[in-house]
Amino acid sequence: MPQTYSLVKKNSKAHQDALTSRFVQNRDIFAVGEAHVLIPHTREANFGHNVSHAKNRTNRLFRPNLRTMTLDVEGEKKSFSITNRDARTYKKIMASYVQE
């Protein structure tokens, strides 16, 4: 699975864990706005079953809803693979800066 990023608040538990992780360098964490950061995070597919009315089970994968976006981070345009939920949060953050 390709490297994906998650949008989290600065100084949150996820941010602190990323800072102390031996797998994440500081250059991999990007500031977004004043209160959020993008941290590397691997999103994986989950396994489950489709269950019919007759209780027949067939295998299926629950894949993350990823999209590639070009974001303006620290004054540069960079391409990131992020989940749709994080993309919506990013748009909400940037919209608040435009209104001010």
N, C-alpha and C. Protein backbone atom coordinates (compact mmCIF):
# COMPACT_ATOMS: atom_id res chain seq x y z
N MET A 1 0.85 -1.18 0.00
CA MET A 1 0.00 0.00 0.00
C MET A 1 0.90 1.24 0.00
N PRO A 2 0.58 2.24 -0.82
CA PRO A 2 1.43 3.44 -0.86
C PRO A 2 1.34 4.25 0.42
N GLN A 3 2.33 5.09 0.61
CA GLN A 3 2.36 5.95 1.80
C GLN A 3 1.23 6.97 1.73
N THR A 4 0.44 7.02 2.78
CA THR A 4 -0.65 7.98 2.86
C THR A 4 -0.39 8.90 4.04
N TYR A 5 -1.17 9.97 4.11
CA TYR A 5 -1.01 10.95 5.18
C TYR A 5 -2.35 11.15 5.87
N SER A 6 -2.27 11.48 7.16
CA SER A 6 -3.45 11.80 7.95
C SER A 6 -3.35 13.25 8.42
N LEU A 7 -4.47 13.93 8.49
CA LEU A 7 -4.54 15.30 8.97
C LEU A 7 -4.95 15.26 10.44
N VAL A 8 -4.06 15.73 11.34
CA VAL A 8 -4.34 15.71 12.77
C VAL A 8 -4.04 17.08 13.37
N LYS A 9 -4.57 17.33 14.55
CA LYS A 9 -4.30 18.58 15.25
C LYS A 9 -2.89 18.56 15.81
N LYS A 10 -2.28 19.74 15.86
CA LYS A 10 -0.96 19.85 16.47
C LYS A 10 -1.05 19.51 17.95
N ASN A 11 -0.02 18.87 18.46
CA ASN A 11 0.11 18.48 19.86
C ASN A 11 -0.96 17.50 20.31
N SER A 12 -1.62 16.82 19.37
CA SER A 12 -2.55 15.76 19.75
C SER A 12 -1.75 14.49 20.01
N LYS A 13 -2.41 13.46 20.49
CA LYS A 13 -1.72 12.20 20.77
C LYS A 13 -1.11 11.62 19.50
N ALA A 14 -1.84 11.67 18.39
CA ALA A 14 -1.31 11.14 17.13
C ALA A 14 -0.09 11.92 16.68
N HIS A 15 -0.11 13.24 16.86
CA HIS A 15 1.03 14.07 16.49
C HIS A 15 2.23 13.76 17.38
N GLN A 16 2.02 13.64 18.68
CA GLN A 16 3.11 13.32 19.59
C GLN A 16 3.69 11.94 19.30
N ASP A 17 2.83 10.97 18.99
CA ASP A 17 3.31 9.63 18.65
C ASP A 17 4.16 9.66 17.37
N ALA A 18 3.76 10.47 16.40
CA ALA A 18 4.53 10.58 15.16
C ALA A 18 5.88 11.23 15.42
N LEU A 19 5.92 12.22 16.31
CA LEU A 19 7.19 12.88 16.62
C LEU A 19 8.16 11.94 17.33
N THR A 20 7.64 11.05 18.17
CA THR A 20 8.51 10.14 18.91
C THR A 20 8.77 8.83 18.18
N SER A 21 8.10 8.60 17.06
CA SER A 21 8.28 7.35 16.32
C SER A 21 9.64 7.31 15.65
N ARG A 22 10.25 6.14 15.64
CA ARG A 22 11.55 6.02 14.98
C ARG A 22 11.40 5.87 13.48
N PHE A 23 10.17 5.66 12.98
CA PHE A 23 9.93 5.49 11.56
C PHE A 23 9.59 6.80 10.85
N VAL A 24 9.27 7.84 11.61
CA VAL A 24 8.86 9.12 11.03
C VAL A 24 9.91 10.17 11.35
N GLN A 25 10.44 10.81 10.31
CA GLN A 25 11.38 11.90 10.51
C GLN A 25 10.60 13.21 10.53
N ASN A 26 11.22 14.25 11.08
CA ASN A 26 10.57 15.56 11.15
C ASN A 26 10.29 16.12 9.76
N ARG A 27 11.10 15.76 8.78
CA ARG A 27 10.89 16.29 7.43
C ARG A 27 9.65 15.69 6.78
N ASP A 28 9.10 14.59 7.34
CA ASP A 28 7.91 13.95 6.80
C ASP A 28 6.62 14.55 7.36
N ILE A 29 6.71 15.44 8.35
CA ILE A 29 5.54 16.06 8.95
C ILE A 29 5.40 17.47 8.39
N PHE A 30 4.22 17.78 7.85
CA PHE A 30 4.00 19.07 7.20
C PHE A 30 2.92 19.86 7.94
N ALA A 31 3.19 21.13 8.18
CA ALA A 31 2.21 21.99 8.84
C ALA A 31 1.14 22.42 7.84
N VAL A 32 -0.11 22.36 8.27
CA VAL A 32 -1.25 22.78 7.46
C VAL A 32 -2.03 23.76 8.29
N GLY A 33 -2.04 25.01 7.88
CA GLY A 33 -2.71 26.02 8.68
C GLY A 33 -1.95 26.26 9.97
N GLU A 34 -2.65 26.76 10.97
CA GLU A 34 -2.01 27.07 12.24
C GLU A 34 -2.14 25.94 13.26
N ALA A 35 -3.17 25.10 13.13
CA ALA A 35 -3.44 24.13 14.19
C ALA A 35 -3.43 22.68 13.73
N HIS A 36 -3.04 22.39 12.49
CA HIS A 36 -3.07 21.03 11.99
C HIS A 36 -1.76 20.66 11.32
N VAL A 37 -1.48 19.36 11.26
CA VAL A 37 -0.29 18.84 10.57
C VAL A 37 -0.69 17.59 9.78
N LEU A 38 0.06 17.33 8.73
CA LEU A 38 -0.07 16.08 7.98
C LEU A 38 1.02 15.14 8.44
N ILE A 39 0.63 13.95 8.92
CA ILE A 39 1.62 12.97 9.36
C ILE A 39 1.51 11.73 8.49
N PRO A 40 2.62 11.05 8.23
CA PRO A 40 2.55 9.81 7.45
C PRO A 40 1.78 8.74 8.21
N HIS A 41 0.93 8.04 7.50
CA HIS A 41 0.10 7.02 8.13
C HIS A 41 -0.27 6.01 7.06
N THR A 42 -0.07 4.74 7.32
CA THR A 42 -0.41 3.70 6.35
C THR A 42 -1.85 3.26 6.55
N ARG A 43 -2.64 3.39 5.52
CA ARG A 43 -4.02 2.92 5.54
C ARG A 43 -4.05 1.57 4.84
N GLU A 44 -4.63 0.58 5.50
CA GLU A 44 -4.68 -0.75 4.94
C GLU A 44 -6.13 -1.19 4.73
N ALA A 45 -6.29 -2.16 3.85
CA ALA A 45 -7.61 -2.72 3.61
C ALA A 45 -7.99 -3.64 4.77
N ASN A 46 -9.25 -3.61 5.18
CA ASN A 46 -9.76 -4.52 6.20
C ASN A 46 -10.50 -5.66 5.52
N PHE A 47 -10.46 -6.83 6.14
CA PHE A 47 -11.08 -8.02 5.59
C PHE A 47 -12.41 -8.26 6.28
N GLY A 48 -13.38 -8.78 5.53
CA GLY A 48 -14.67 -9.10 6.11
C GLY A 48 -15.45 -10.01 5.19
N HIS A 49 -16.73 -10.08 5.41
CA HIS A 49 -17.60 -10.94 4.62
C HIS A 49 -18.82 -10.16 4.15
N ASN A 50 -19.28 -10.47 2.94
CA ASN A 50 -20.62 -10.09 2.54
C ASN A 50 -21.53 -11.19 3.05
N VAL A 51 -22.60 -10.84 3.73
CA VAL A 51 -23.51 -11.84 4.29
C VAL A 51 -24.87 -11.65 3.64
N SER A 52 -25.33 -12.69 2.96
CA SER A 52 -26.61 -12.62 2.28
C SER A 52 -27.75 -12.87 3.26
N HIS A 53 -28.97 -12.76 2.77
CA HIS A 53 -30.14 -13.01 3.61
C HIS A 53 -30.16 -14.45 4.11
N ALA A 54 -29.61 -15.37 3.30
CA ALA A 54 -29.55 -16.78 3.67
C ALA A 54 -28.30 -17.10 4.48
N LYS A 55 -27.59 -16.07 4.94
CA LYS A 55 -26.38 -16.18 5.75
C LYS A 55 -25.20 -16.82 5.00
N ASN A 56 -25.23 -16.75 3.66
CA ASN A 56 -24.07 -17.20 2.89
C ASN A 56 -23.00 -16.12 3.00
N ARG A 57 -21.77 -16.53 3.29
CA ARG A 57 -20.69 -15.57 3.48
C ARG A 57 -19.71 -15.65 2.31
N THR A 58 -19.43 -14.49 1.71
CA THR A 58 -18.41 -14.41 0.68
C THR A 58 -17.39 -13.36 1.12
N ASN A 59 -16.14 -13.60 0.78
CA ASN A 59 -15.08 -12.70 1.22
C ASN A 59 -15.17 -11.35 0.52
N ARG A 60 -14.77 -10.32 1.22
CA ARG A 60 -14.69 -8.99 0.63
C ARG A 60 -13.62 -8.19 1.34
N LEU A 61 -13.18 -7.10 0.70
CA LEU A 61 -12.21 -6.18 1.28
C LEU A 61 -12.86 -4.82 1.47
N PHE A 62 -12.60 -4.22 2.61
CA PHE A 62 -13.03 -2.85 2.88
C PHE A 62 -11.81 -1.96 2.64
N ARG A 63 -11.76 -1.30 1.49
CA ARG A 63 -10.60 -0.50 1.12
C ARG A 63 -10.79 0.95 1.59
N PRO A 64 -9.70 1.61 1.96
CA PRO A 64 -9.82 3.02 2.37
C PRO A 64 -10.17 3.89 1.16
N ASN A 65 -10.92 4.94 1.42
CA ASN A 65 -11.34 5.86 0.37
C ASN A 65 -10.25 6.91 0.17
N LEU A 66 -9.22 6.55 -0.61
CA LEU A 66 -8.07 7.43 -0.81
C LEU A 66 -8.25 8.29 -2.04
N ARG A 67 -7.69 9.48 -1.99
CA ARG A 67 -7.62 10.35 -3.15
C ARG A 67 -6.30 11.10 -3.12
N THR A 68 -5.78 11.40 -4.28
CA THR A 68 -4.54 12.15 -4.39
C THR A 68 -4.88 13.61 -4.57
N MET A 69 -4.30 14.45 -3.73
CA MET A 69 -4.56 15.88 -3.80
C MET A 69 -3.24 16.63 -3.83
N THR A 70 -3.24 17.73 -4.56
CA THR A 70 -2.10 18.63 -4.54
C THR A 70 -2.45 19.75 -3.57
N LEU A 71 -1.70 19.81 -2.47
CA LEU A 71 -1.99 20.76 -1.41
C LEU A 71 -0.91 21.82 -1.32
N ASP A 72 -1.29 23.00 -0.91
CA ASP A 72 -0.33 24.08 -0.68
C ASP A 72 0.14 23.97 0.77
N VAL A 73 1.34 23.41 0.95
CA VAL A 73 1.88 23.18 2.28
C VAL A 73 3.17 23.96 2.43
N GLU A 74 3.20 24.84 3.42
CA GLU A 74 4.38 25.67 3.70
C GLU A 74 4.84 26.45 2.47
N GLY A 75 3.87 26.93 1.70
CA GLY A 75 4.19 27.75 0.53
C GLY A 75 4.57 26.98 -0.72
N GLU A 76 4.53 25.66 -0.69
CA GLU A 76 4.88 24.84 -1.84
C GLU A 76 3.70 23.95 -2.21
N LYS A 77 3.60 23.60 -3.49
CA LYS A 77 2.59 22.66 -3.94
C LYS A 77 3.18 21.25 -3.85
N LYS A 78 2.51 20.37 -3.08
CA LYS A 78 2.95 18.99 -2.92
C LYS A 78 1.78 18.07 -3.14
N SER A 79 2.07 16.89 -3.67
CA SER A 79 1.04 15.90 -3.94
C SER A 79 1.01 14.88 -2.80
N PHE A 80 -0.18 14.65 -2.24
CA PHE A 80 -0.36 13.73 -1.12
C PHE A 80 -1.49 12.77 -1.44
N SER A 81 -1.37 11.55 -0.91
CA SER A 81 -2.45 10.59 -0.95
C SER A 81 -3.10 10.60 0.43
N ILE A 82 -4.34 11.09 0.51
CA ILE A 82 -5.03 11.20 1.80
C ILE A 82 -6.43 10.64 1.66
N THR A 83 -7.05 10.32 2.79
CA THR A 83 -8.41 9.81 2.76
C THR A 83 -9.38 10.95 2.43
N ASN A 84 -10.55 10.57 1.96
CA ASN A 84 -11.55 11.56 1.61
C ASN A 84 -11.98 12.36 2.84
N ARG A 85 -12.05 11.71 4.00
CA ARG A 85 -12.42 12.40 5.23
C ARG A 85 -11.40 13.50 5.56
N ASP A 86 -10.10 13.18 5.42
CA ASP A 86 -9.06 14.18 5.68
C ASP A 86 -9.09 15.30 4.64
N ALA A 87 -9.45 14.96 3.40
CA ALA A 87 -9.55 15.98 2.35
C ALA A 87 -10.67 16.97 2.67
N ARG A 88 -11.79 16.46 3.19
CA ARG A 88 -12.90 17.34 3.57
C ARG A 88 -12.51 18.23 4.74
N THR A 89 -11.76 17.68 5.70
CA THR A 89 -11.29 18.48 6.83
C THR A 89 -10.34 19.56 6.35
N TYR A 90 -9.45 19.22 5.41
CA TYR A 90 -8.50 20.19 4.86
C TYR A 90 -9.25 21.35 4.18
N LYS A 91 -10.27 21.02 3.38
CA LYS A 91 -11.04 22.07 2.71
C LYS A 91 -11.74 22.97 3.73
N LYS A 92 -12.24 22.39 4.82
CA LYS A 92 -12.89 23.16 5.87
C LYS A 92 -11.90 24.10 6.55
N ILE A 93 -10.68 23.61 6.80
CA ILE A 93 -9.65 24.44 7.43
C ILE A 93 -9.28 25.61 6.54
N MET A 94 -9.06 25.32 5.25
CA MET A 94 -8.64 26.36 4.32
C MET A 94 -9.77 27.37 4.07
N ALA A 95 -11.01 26.93 4.13
CA ALA A 95 -12.13 27.85 3.94
C ALA A 95 -12.21 28.84 5.08
N SER A 96 -11.83 28.41 6.30
CA SER A 96 -11.87 29.31 7.43
C SER A 96 -10.81 30.41 7.31
N TYR A 97 -9.67 30.10 6.66
CA TYR A 97 -8.65 31.11 6.44
C TYR A 97 -9.06 32.13 5.40
N VAL A 98 -9.82 31.68 4.40
CA VAL A 98 -10.26 32.60 3.35
C VAL A 98 -11.29 33.59 3.90
N GLN A 99 -12.14 33.15 4.82
CA GLN A 99 -13.18 34.03 5.37
C GLN A 99 -12.60 35.11 6.26
N GLU A 100 -11.47 34.84 6.91
CA GLU A 100 -10.90 35.82 7.85
C GLU A 100 -10.25 36.97 7.14
